[in-house]
N, C-alpha and C. Protein backbone atom coordinates (compact mmCIF):
# COMPACT_ATOMS: atom_id res chain seq x y z
N GLN A 1 89.82 40.80 152.39
CA GLN A 1 88.70 41.82 153.60
C GLN A 1 89.02 42.83 153.53
N GLY A 2 87.43 42.92 154.15
CA GLY A 2 86.73 45.01 154.44
C GLY A 2 86.47 45.00 156.08
N PHE A 3 85.60 45.39 155.89
CA PHE A 3 85.13 45.67 157.41
C PHE A 3 83.54 45.61 156.99
N ARG A 4 82.64 45.45 157.81
CA ARG A 4 80.80 45.84 158.14
C ARG A 4 81.28 47.49 158.08
N ILE A 5 79.29 47.76 157.29
CA ILE A 5 78.58 49.36 157.25
C ILE A 5 78.92 49.34 158.71
N SER A 6 77.91 48.55 159.66
CA SER A 6 77.53 48.34 161.01
C SER A 6 78.97 48.72 161.84
N ASP A 7 79.96 47.50 161.12
CA ASP A 7 81.27 47.93 162.02
C ASP A 7 81.48 49.67 162.26
N LEU A 8 81.28 50.71 161.11
CA LEU A 8 81.36 51.95 161.05
C LEU A 8 80.93 52.97 162.68
N GLU A 9 79.54 52.42 163.15
CA GLU A 9 80.04 52.70 164.51
C GLU A 9 80.40 52.31 165.50
N LYS A 10 81.36 51.17 165.22
CA LYS A 10 81.96 51.26 167.18
C LYS A 10 83.57 51.54 166.36
N LEU A 11 83.42 52.11 165.81
CA LEU A 11 85.15 52.82 166.41
C LEU A 11 84.96 54.49 167.16
N ALA A 12 83.57 54.42 167.51
CA ALA A 12 83.41 55.70 168.60
C ALA A 12 83.58 54.84 170.02
N ALA A 13 83.15 53.18 169.92
CA ALA A 13 83.46 51.92 170.93
C ALA A 13 85.33 51.42 171.61
N CYS A 14 85.90 52.22 170.36
CA CYS A 14 87.39 51.98 170.14
C CYS A 14 88.66 52.39 170.93
N LYS A 15 88.45 52.76 172.67
CA LYS A 15 89.09 53.52 173.10
C LYS A 15 90.40 53.61 173.07
N THR A 16 90.75 54.42 174.00
CA THR A 16 92.65 54.39 173.26
C THR A 16 93.05 53.21 174.95
N SER A 17 94.34 53.87 174.72
CA SER A 17 94.59 52.88 176.48
C SER A 17 94.92 53.57 177.69
N ASP A 18 95.02 55.17 177.52
CA ASP A 18 94.28 56.73 178.28
C ASP A 18 92.60 56.23 178.65
N ASN A 19 91.63 55.60 177.83
CA ASN A 19 90.54 55.48 177.92
C ASN A 19 90.45 57.19 177.53
N GLN A 20 91.41 57.57 176.91
CA GLN A 20 90.85 59.38 176.86
C GLN A 20 89.88 60.02 175.22
N SER A 21 90.22 58.67 174.76
CA SER A 21 89.96 59.12 173.56
C SER A 21 89.11 58.09 172.36
N ASN A 22 88.97 57.83 171.12
CA ASN A 22 88.65 56.67 171.43
C ASN A 22 89.01 57.01 169.10
N LEU A 23 88.90 56.15 168.82
CA LEU A 23 89.43 55.58 167.17
C LEU A 23 89.07 56.71 166.62
N LEU A 24 87.51 56.96 166.54
CA LEU A 24 86.80 57.07 165.79
C LEU A 24 87.07 58.67 165.39
N GLU A 25 87.84 59.81 167.03
CA GLU A 25 88.05 60.67 167.56
C GLU A 25 89.64 60.88 166.93
N ALA A 26 90.68 59.88 167.11
CA ALA A 26 91.44 59.70 165.98
C ALA A 26 91.41 60.24 164.20
N VAL A 27 91.10 58.92 163.94
CA VAL A 27 90.23 60.20 162.06
C VAL A 27 90.36 60.89 161.92
N VAL A 28 88.71 61.47 162.71
CA VAL A 28 88.47 63.59 162.52
C VAL A 28 89.35 63.40 162.55
N GLN A 29 90.69 63.92 163.79
CA GLN A 29 91.58 64.37 164.20
C GLN A 29 92.00 64.55 162.75
N LEU A 30 92.29 62.84 162.15
CA LEU A 30 94.11 62.98 161.40
C LEU A 30 93.50 64.26 160.02
N ALA A 31 92.12 63.97 159.42
CA ALA A 31 91.94 64.44 158.37
C ALA A 31 91.74 66.13 158.84
N LEU A 32 91.40 66.19 160.46
CA LEU A 32 90.91 67.46 159.86
C LEU A 32 92.83 67.91 159.83
N GLN A 33 93.62 67.46 160.39
CA GLN A 33 94.73 68.00 160.45
C GLN A 33 95.63 67.65 157.91
N ARG A 34 95.14 66.69 158.15
CA ARG A 34 95.56 66.58 156.60
C ARG A 34 94.04 67.85 155.16
N ASP A 35 93.24 66.67 154.96
CA ASP A 35 92.72 67.68 154.57
C ASP A 35 90.98 67.66 155.19
N GLN A 36 90.66 68.91 155.19
CA GLN A 36 88.96 68.82 155.92
C GLN A 36 87.80 68.06 155.70
N GLU A 37 88.42 68.77 153.86
CA GLU A 37 86.91 68.16 152.72
C GLU A 37 86.10 66.42 152.98
N MET A 38 87.71 65.99 153.99
CA MET A 38 87.91 64.41 153.57
C MET A 38 86.17 64.87 154.51
N LEU A 39 86.56 65.45 155.36
CA LEU A 39 85.39 65.25 155.83
C LEU A 39 83.55 65.05 155.62
N ASN A 40 83.84 66.07 154.61
CA ASN A 40 82.74 66.70 153.70
C ASN A 40 81.82 65.70 152.90
N PHE A 41 82.09 64.61 153.08
CA PHE A 41 81.13 63.61 153.09
C PHE A 41 80.13 63.23 153.54
N THR A 42 79.58 63.87 154.64
CA THR A 42 78.98 63.73 155.51
C THR A 42 77.50 64.70 155.23
N LYS A 43 77.61 65.11 154.81
CA LYS A 43 76.87 66.48 153.98
C LYS A 43 76.75 66.12 153.26
N GLU A 44 76.80 65.46 151.80
CA GLU A 44 76.85 64.25 151.15
C GLU A 44 75.75 62.77 151.50
N MET A 45 75.56 62.45 152.57
CA MET A 45 74.32 61.95 152.51
C MET A 45 73.17 62.12 153.43
N ASP A 46 73.10 63.17 152.33
CA ASP A 46 71.63 64.06 153.18
C ASP A 46 70.71 63.21 153.52
N SER A 47 70.41 62.45 152.03
CA SER A 47 69.66 61.38 150.92
C SER A 47 69.74 60.69 152.29
N ILE A 48 70.17 59.84 153.03
CA ILE A 48 70.42 58.96 153.04
C ILE A 48 69.26 58.64 154.76
N ARG A 49 69.79 59.37 154.92
CA ARG A 49 68.80 59.90 156.56
C ARG A 49 67.35 59.70 155.78
N GLN A 50 66.67 60.21 154.15
CA GLN A 50 65.25 59.02 154.21
C GLN A 50 64.88 57.84 153.99
N ALA A 51 66.11 57.61 153.85
CA ALA A 51 66.31 55.69 152.81
C ALA A 51 66.02 55.24 153.89
N CYS A 52 66.85 55.67 155.79
CA CYS A 52 66.57 54.79 156.53
C CYS A 52 64.74 54.33 156.85
N VAL A 53 63.53 55.26 156.71
CA VAL A 53 62.80 54.93 157.19
C VAL A 53 62.24 53.86 156.27
N ILE A 54 62.85 54.07 154.79
CA ILE A 54 62.24 53.01 154.14
C ILE A 54 62.31 51.65 154.25
N ASP A 55 61.39 51.00 154.06
CA ASP A 55 60.75 49.89 154.47
C ASP A 55 61.13 48.35 152.86
N ILE A 56 62.00 47.98 152.37
CA ILE A 56 61.15 47.47 150.72
C ILE A 56 60.45 46.57 151.56
N ALA A 57 60.65 45.61 152.15
CA ALA A 57 59.85 44.40 152.76
C ALA A 57 58.32 44.69 152.36
N GLU A 58 58.40 45.89 153.69
CA GLU A 58 56.33 46.95 153.65
C GLU A 58 56.15 47.15 152.59
N THR A 59 56.99 48.00 151.39
CA THR A 59 57.25 48.73 150.30
C THR A 59 56.14 47.33 149.60
N ARG A 60 56.55 46.31 149.18
CA ARG A 60 56.21 45.53 148.59
C ARG A 60 55.50 44.82 148.77
N GLN A 61 55.33 44.60 150.09
CA GLN A 61 53.42 44.49 151.16
C GLN A 61 52.69 44.83 150.71
N THR A 62 52.94 46.82 150.60
CA THR A 62 52.26 47.55 150.47
C THR A 62 51.77 47.46 148.72
N VAL A 63 52.34 47.48 147.65
CA VAL A 63 51.95 47.91 146.17
C VAL A 63 51.53 45.93 145.90
N THR A 64 52.14 44.90 146.80
CA THR A 64 50.32 43.89 146.16
C THR A 64 49.79 43.72 147.52
N GLN A 65 49.23 45.04 147.99
CA GLN A 65 48.12 44.96 148.43
C GLN A 65 47.13 45.84 147.37
N LEU A 66 47.90 46.81 147.27
CA LEU A 66 47.47 47.52 145.90
C LEU A 66 47.01 46.18 144.68
N ASN A 67 47.37 45.70 144.06
CA ASN A 67 47.79 44.43 143.17
C ASN A 67 45.82 44.39 143.82
N GLN A 68 45.97 43.80 145.27
CA GLN A 68 45.12 42.22 144.57
C GLN A 68 43.73 42.90 144.98
N SER A 69 43.63 44.49 145.50
CA SER A 69 42.58 45.58 145.19
C SER A 69 41.69 45.83 144.04
N MET A 70 43.23 45.99 143.03
CA MET A 70 42.98 46.04 141.29
C MET A 70 41.81 45.41 141.08
N THR A 71 42.65 43.67 141.40
CA THR A 71 42.24 42.97 140.87
C THR A 71 40.63 41.64 141.19
N THR A 72 40.48 42.65 142.92
CA THR A 72 38.95 42.50 142.86
C THR A 72 38.19 43.35 142.91
N LEU A 73 38.92 44.71 141.92
CA LEU A 73 38.19 45.41 141.65
C LEU A 73 37.45 45.25 139.96
N VAL A 74 38.50 44.54 139.26
CA VAL A 74 38.45 43.77 138.15
C VAL A 74 37.31 42.73 137.80
N LYS A 75 37.24 42.18 138.49
CA LYS A 75 36.24 41.07 139.47
C LYS A 75 35.02 41.43 139.63
N GLU A 76 34.90 41.91 140.28
CA GLU A 76 34.15 43.18 140.82
C GLU A 76 32.46 43.72 139.86
N LEU A 77 33.64 43.81 138.45
CA LEU A 77 33.49 44.95 137.19
C LEU A 77 33.17 43.77 136.53
N ASN A 78 34.01 42.55 135.62
CA ASN A 78 33.95 41.78 135.04
C ASN A 78 32.47 40.98 135.49
N LEU A 79 32.36 41.21 137.05
CA LEU A 79 30.67 40.44 137.38
C LEU A 79 29.51 41.40 137.24
N ARG A 80 29.78 42.10 137.62
CA ARG A 80 28.91 43.48 137.25
C ARG A 80 28.59 43.64 135.84
N GLU A 81 29.42 43.31 134.30
CA GLU A 81 29.58 43.40 133.64
C GLU A 81 28.30 41.42 132.94
N MET A 82 28.97 41.35 133.92
CA MET A 82 28.18 39.91 133.16
C MET A 82 26.65 39.61 132.94
N GLU A 83 25.94 39.82 134.46
CA GLU A 83 25.18 40.96 135.04
C GLU A 83 24.43 41.68 134.68
N LYS A 84 24.34 42.02 133.78
CA LYS A 84 24.08 43.05 132.68
C LYS A 84 23.53 43.31 131.40
N LYS A 85 25.18 41.63 130.99
CA LYS A 85 24.72 40.78 130.28
C LYS A 85 22.99 39.95 129.85
N ASP A 86 23.46 39.02 130.98
CA ASP A 86 22.11 38.16 131.41
C ASP A 86 21.51 38.83 131.69
N LEU A 87 20.98 40.38 131.65
CA LEU A 87 19.61 40.95 132.30
C LEU A 87 19.55 41.33 130.34
N ALA A 88 20.25 41.50 129.80
CA ALA A 88 20.13 42.22 127.95
C ALA A 88 19.69 40.68 127.58
N ASP A 89 19.82 39.71 127.94
CA ASP A 89 19.41 38.69 127.82
C ASP A 89 18.73 37.68 128.11
N ALA A 90 17.89 38.26 128.57
CA ALA A 90 16.40 37.75 129.13
C ALA A 90 15.80 38.46 129.11
N GLY A 91 16.13 39.72 127.99
CA GLY A 91 14.94 41.00 127.95
C GLY A 91 14.41 42.36 129.09
N LYS A 92 15.24 41.70 129.62
CA LYS A 92 14.96 42.38 131.17
C LYS A 92 16.43 44.02 130.85
N GLN A 93 15.27 44.65 131.90
CA GLN A 93 15.63 46.32 131.21
C GLN A 93 17.58 46.75 132.50
N VAL A 94 17.66 47.06 131.27
CA VAL A 94 19.28 47.47 132.42
C VAL A 94 19.62 48.21 133.03
N MET A 95 19.65 48.78 133.52
CA MET A 95 19.88 49.77 135.14
C MET A 95 20.99 50.60 134.19
N ALA A 96 20.83 51.90 134.83
CA ALA A 96 22.24 52.50 134.44
C ALA A 96 23.77 52.11 135.29
N ASP A 97 24.37 51.83 135.30
CA ASP A 97 25.68 51.86 137.26
C ASP A 97 26.21 52.64 136.78
N ASN A 98 26.64 53.69 137.68
CA ASN A 98 27.76 53.92 137.86
C ASN A 98 28.30 53.16 138.77
N PHE A 99 27.90 52.72 139.67
CA PHE A 99 29.70 51.97 140.30
C PHE A 99 30.68 51.54 139.01
N SER A 100 29.84 50.86 137.85
CA SER A 100 31.27 50.28 136.80
C SER A 100 31.24 51.31 136.17
N SER A 101 30.85 52.54 135.57
CA SER A 101 31.18 53.20 134.46
C SER A 101 32.62 54.49 135.92
N LYS A 102 32.46 54.13 136.60
CA LYS A 102 33.16 55.32 137.78
C LYS A 102 34.65 54.32 138.26
N MET A 103 34.06 53.84 138.57
CA MET A 103 35.26 52.43 138.74
C MET A 103 35.71 51.96 137.46
N GLY A 104 35.41 51.78 137.31
CA GLY A 104 36.50 51.50 135.51
C GLY A 104 36.98 52.17 134.62
N ASP A 105 36.64 54.02 134.33
CA ASP A 105 37.75 55.32 134.62
C ASP A 105 38.86 55.07 135.25
N PHE A 106 38.31 54.50 136.68
CA PHE A 106 39.27 55.00 137.59
C PHE A 106 40.41 53.99 136.91
N TYR A 107 39.75 52.47 136.75
CA TYR A 107 40.49 51.21 136.34
C TYR A 107 41.39 50.86 135.41
N ASN A 108 41.18 51.40 133.93
CA ASN A 108 41.97 52.20 133.09
C ASN A 108 42.95 53.36 133.15
N ALA A 109 42.72 54.05 133.79
CA ALA A 109 43.93 55.46 134.23
C ALA A 109 44.38 55.48 135.42
N LYS A 110 44.33 53.84 136.20
CA LYS A 110 45.93 53.79 137.02
C LYS A 110 46.81 52.50 136.97
N LYS A 111 46.41 51.83 136.07
CA LYS A 111 46.38 49.55 135.54
C LYS A 111 47.58 50.61 135.54
N GLY A 112 48.19 52.02 134.58
CA GLY A 112 49.60 52.02 133.70
C GLY A 112 50.20 52.18 134.88
N GLU A 113 49.51 53.13 136.12
CA GLU A 113 50.37 54.03 137.23
C GLU A 113 50.96 52.38 138.52
N LEU A 114 50.07 50.72 138.68
CA LEU A 114 49.96 50.76 139.37
C LEU A 114 51.94 49.75 138.23
N GLU A 115 51.48 48.91 136.98
CA GLU A 115 52.66 49.16 136.65
C GLU A 115 53.69 49.16 136.23
N ALA A 116 53.72 50.94 137.01
CA ALA A 116 54.66 51.31 136.66
C ALA A 116 55.20 51.23 138.48
N LEU A 117 54.78 50.86 138.94
CA LEU A 117 54.85 51.47 140.62
C LEU A 117 55.82 49.46 140.61
N TRP A 118 55.17 48.25 140.13
CA TRP A 118 55.80 47.37 140.44
C TRP A 118 57.23 47.37 139.39
N GLU A 119 57.68 47.74 138.55
CA GLU A 119 59.15 48.63 137.84
C GLU A 119 59.95 49.16 138.08
N ASP A 120 59.30 50.11 138.38
CA ASP A 120 60.08 50.71 140.23
C ASP A 120 60.05 50.15 141.69
N LEU A 121 59.90 49.23 142.37
CA LEU A 121 60.13 48.74 143.26
C LEU A 121 60.61 47.39 142.77
N ALA A 122 60.53 46.42 141.16
CA ALA A 122 61.32 45.80 141.51
C ALA A 122 63.02 46.63 140.76
N GLY A 123 63.29 48.02 140.55
CA GLY A 123 64.35 48.15 139.68
C GLY A 123 64.92 48.02 141.51
N THR A 124 64.53 48.47 142.80
CA THR A 124 64.80 49.44 143.32
C THR A 124 65.99 48.18 144.80
N GLU A 125 64.47 46.84 144.04
CA GLU A 125 64.48 46.24 144.86
C GLU A 125 66.32 45.44 144.77
N LYS A 126 66.50 45.14 142.90
CA LYS A 126 67.40 44.45 142.13
C LYS A 126 68.23 45.58 143.10
N ALA A 127 68.26 47.42 142.78
CA ALA A 127 69.42 48.31 143.05
C ALA A 127 70.40 47.95 144.45
N LEU A 128 68.77 47.30 145.78
CA LEU A 128 69.73 47.85 146.33
C LEU A 128 70.18 45.98 146.60
N LYS A 129 70.37 44.73 146.04
CA LYS A 129 71.19 44.44 146.29
C LYS A 129 72.06 43.64 145.27
N LEU A 130 72.53 44.93 144.98
CA LEU A 130 72.91 45.22 144.37
C LEU A 130 73.87 46.08 145.41
N LEU A 131 73.77 46.90 145.99
CA LEU A 131 74.12 47.49 147.10
C LEU A 131 74.37 46.81 147.71
N GLY A 132 73.67 45.80 148.74
CA GLY A 132 74.44 44.43 149.45
C GLY A 132 76.06 44.57 148.94
N GLN A 133 75.60 44.27 147.34
CA GLN A 133 76.82 43.69 146.95
C GLN A 133 77.25 43.56 147.43
N TYR A 134 77.90 44.79 146.09
CA TYR A 134 79.30 45.81 146.81
C TYR A 134 79.29 45.58 147.97
N TYR A 135 78.49 46.04 148.70
CA TYR A 135 79.85 46.48 150.65
C TYR A 135 79.67 45.16 151.20
N GLY A 136 79.88 43.57 150.78
CA GLY A 136 79.53 42.30 151.47
C GLY A 136 78.99 41.71 151.89
N GLU A 137 77.55 42.49 151.92
CA GLU A 137 76.91 42.22 152.73
C GLU A 137 76.51 40.68 152.40
N HIS A 138 76.03 39.51 153.16
CA HIS A 138 75.77 38.71 153.42
C HIS A 138 73.54 38.97 152.75
N GLU A 139 72.85 38.30 151.62
CA GLU A 139 72.34 38.99 150.75
C GLU A 139 71.03 38.59 151.73
N ALA A 140 71.41 37.55 153.15
CA ALA A 140 69.76 36.91 153.27
C ALA A 140 70.28 37.79 154.60
N GLN A 141 70.76 38.09 154.92
CA GLN A 141 70.42 39.11 155.78
C GLN A 141 70.50 40.77 155.53
N PHE A 142 70.58 40.53 154.47
CA PHE A 142 70.60 42.45 154.04
C PHE A 142 70.01 42.68 154.41
N ILE A 143 69.32 43.97 155.84
CA ILE A 143 68.84 45.13 155.10
C ILE A 143 68.76 46.09 155.23
N PRO A 144 68.19 46.89 153.63
CA PRO A 144 69.05 48.45 153.77
C PRO A 144 68.15 48.74 154.49
N SER A 145 67.49 49.56 155.73
CA SER A 145 66.94 50.02 156.11
C SER A 145 67.32 50.02 157.62
N ALA A 146 68.46 49.23 157.69
CA ALA A 146 69.18 48.83 158.91
C ALA A 146 70.49 49.05 157.90
N PHE A 147 70.81 49.34 157.10
CA PHE A 147 72.26 49.46 155.94
C PHE A 147 72.26 50.61 155.75
N PHE A 148 71.25 51.92 156.22
CA PHE A 148 71.34 53.29 155.43
C PHE A 148 71.56 53.57 157.07
N ARG A 149 70.40 53.08 158.10
CA ARG A 149 70.11 53.68 159.24
C ARG A 149 71.58 53.90 159.38
N ASN A 150 72.70 52.39 160.23
CA ASN A 150 74.58 52.38 159.83
C ASN A 150 75.00 53.14 159.15
N ILE A 151 74.77 54.16 158.29
CA ILE A 151 75.28 55.37 157.86
C ILE A 151 76.13 56.53 158.61
N ALA A 152 73.95 56.75 158.68
CA ALA A 152 73.68 57.85 158.91
C ALA A 152 73.86 58.37 160.43
N SER A 153 73.59 57.24 161.42
CA SER A 153 75.02 57.01 162.13
C SER A 153 75.79 57.20 162.54
N PHE A 154 76.08 56.96 161.32
CA PHE A 154 78.08 57.51 161.52
C PHE A 154 78.66 58.06 160.87
N CYS A 155 78.22 59.11 160.29
CA CYS A 155 77.07 60.60 159.57
C CYS A 155 77.65 61.65 160.76
N ARG A 156 76.35 60.87 161.72
CA ARG A 156 76.14 62.16 162.64
C ARG A 156 77.66 62.13 163.84
N GLN A 157 78.01 60.77 163.91
CA GLN A 157 79.29 60.17 165.26
C GLN A 157 80.62 61.48 164.38
N VAL A 158 80.32 61.61 163.59
CA VAL A 158 81.35 61.46 162.81
C VAL A 158 81.13 63.24 163.45
N GLU A 159 80.26 64.02 162.50
CA GLU A 159 79.55 65.17 162.42
C GLU A 159 80.00 66.34 164.12
N ASN A 160 79.81 65.00 164.38
CA ASN A 160 79.34 65.45 166.35
C ASN A 160 80.78 66.17 167.20
N VAL A 161 81.31 64.43 166.46
CA VAL A 161 83.26 64.27 166.47
C VAL A 161 83.71 65.84 166.08
N ARG A 162 83.51 66.07 164.83
CA ARG A 162 84.05 66.80 164.01
C ARG A 162 83.60 68.08 164.95
N LYS A 163 82.68 68.95 165.15
CA LYS A 163 82.33 70.27 165.84
C LYS A 163 83.08 70.35 167.42
N GLN A 164 83.66 69.48 168.11
CA GLN A 164 83.92 68.69 169.50
C GLN A 164 85.18 69.56 169.27
N LYS A 165 86.22 68.87 167.56
CA LYS A 165 87.41 68.93 167.60
C LYS A 165 87.86 70.05 167.44
N GLN A 166 86.84 70.88 166.30
CA GLN A 166 86.48 72.37 166.04
C GLN A 166 86.46 73.37 167.40
N LYS A 167 86.10 72.94 167.53
CA LYS A 167 85.83 74.15 169.34
C LYS A 167 87.24 73.44 169.77
N GLY A 168 87.73 72.75 170.64
CA GLY A 168 89.21 72.52 170.96
C GLY A 168 88.92 71.99 171.47
N PRO A 169 90.92 71.95 172.07
CA PRO A 169 90.23 70.66 173.17
C PRO A 169 89.08 70.34 174.42
N LEU A 170 89.00 69.85 174.83
CA LEU A 170 88.32 69.27 176.11
C LEU A 170 88.75 69.53 177.33
N MET A 171 87.75 70.16 178.18
CA MET A 171 87.83 70.51 179.27
C MET A 171 88.45 68.66 180.38
N PRO A 172 89.87 69.06 181.37
CA PRO A 172 89.71 67.60 181.52
C PRO A 172 88.67 67.15 182.38
N ARG A 173 87.87 65.92 182.85
CA ARG A 173 86.98 65.68 183.16
C ARG A 173 87.64 65.26 184.82
N THR A 174 86.46 65.99 185.40
CA THR A 174 86.48 65.69 186.98
C THR A 174 85.51 65.09 187.64
N GLY A 175 84.99 65.46 189.08
CA GLY A 175 84.11 64.19 189.68
C GLY A 175 84.18 63.17 189.26
N GLU A 176 83.49 62.69 189.09
CA GLU A 176 82.86 60.34 189.36
C GLU A 176 83.43 60.63 187.97
N ASP A 177 83.87 61.50 187.50
CA ASP A 177 83.83 61.15 186.05
C ASP A 177 85.93 60.67 185.14
N ALA A 178 85.83 61.48 186.42
CA ALA A 178 87.96 61.39 186.78
C ALA A 178 88.62 60.22 186.21
N PRO A 179 89.22 59.40 185.55
CA PRO A 179 89.83 58.67 185.34
C PRO A 179 90.28 58.83 187.19
């Protein structure tokens, strides 16, 4: 049994018995002593910060709305085509329809992109599901944006402690903060 990604942020809350340090500081100090390159993972995680802002449920909703709009457009184009046919069958003059022409071209140009968007979304959802499973997250409770926020926050914590440790020992606390 391991730990949850959300538990990484709690390392800083695990204080030493003298309350002067915490588990995260001890881990970073050990890494600095043994192999500083172990801490370079934080630089490799820059793309995680971008993933924090992506809400897959909101993305699915947006793509669904696009699909509904395209479906409405197709219905409108079909309706206009039927009206033209009815007018022609009745021997009436059919006026040029710029809307149908332009929007028909638009639909034909964009329907492939919408299909590709659906495929990309499905692939992303599948990859995120596998990611959650890999890290032992409960599928029903797994929120990818929160997962990535936890990792990004942990990386920031590690970087802050690393910088602090590389500057040297902290000055003793004075005043009201002193133990």
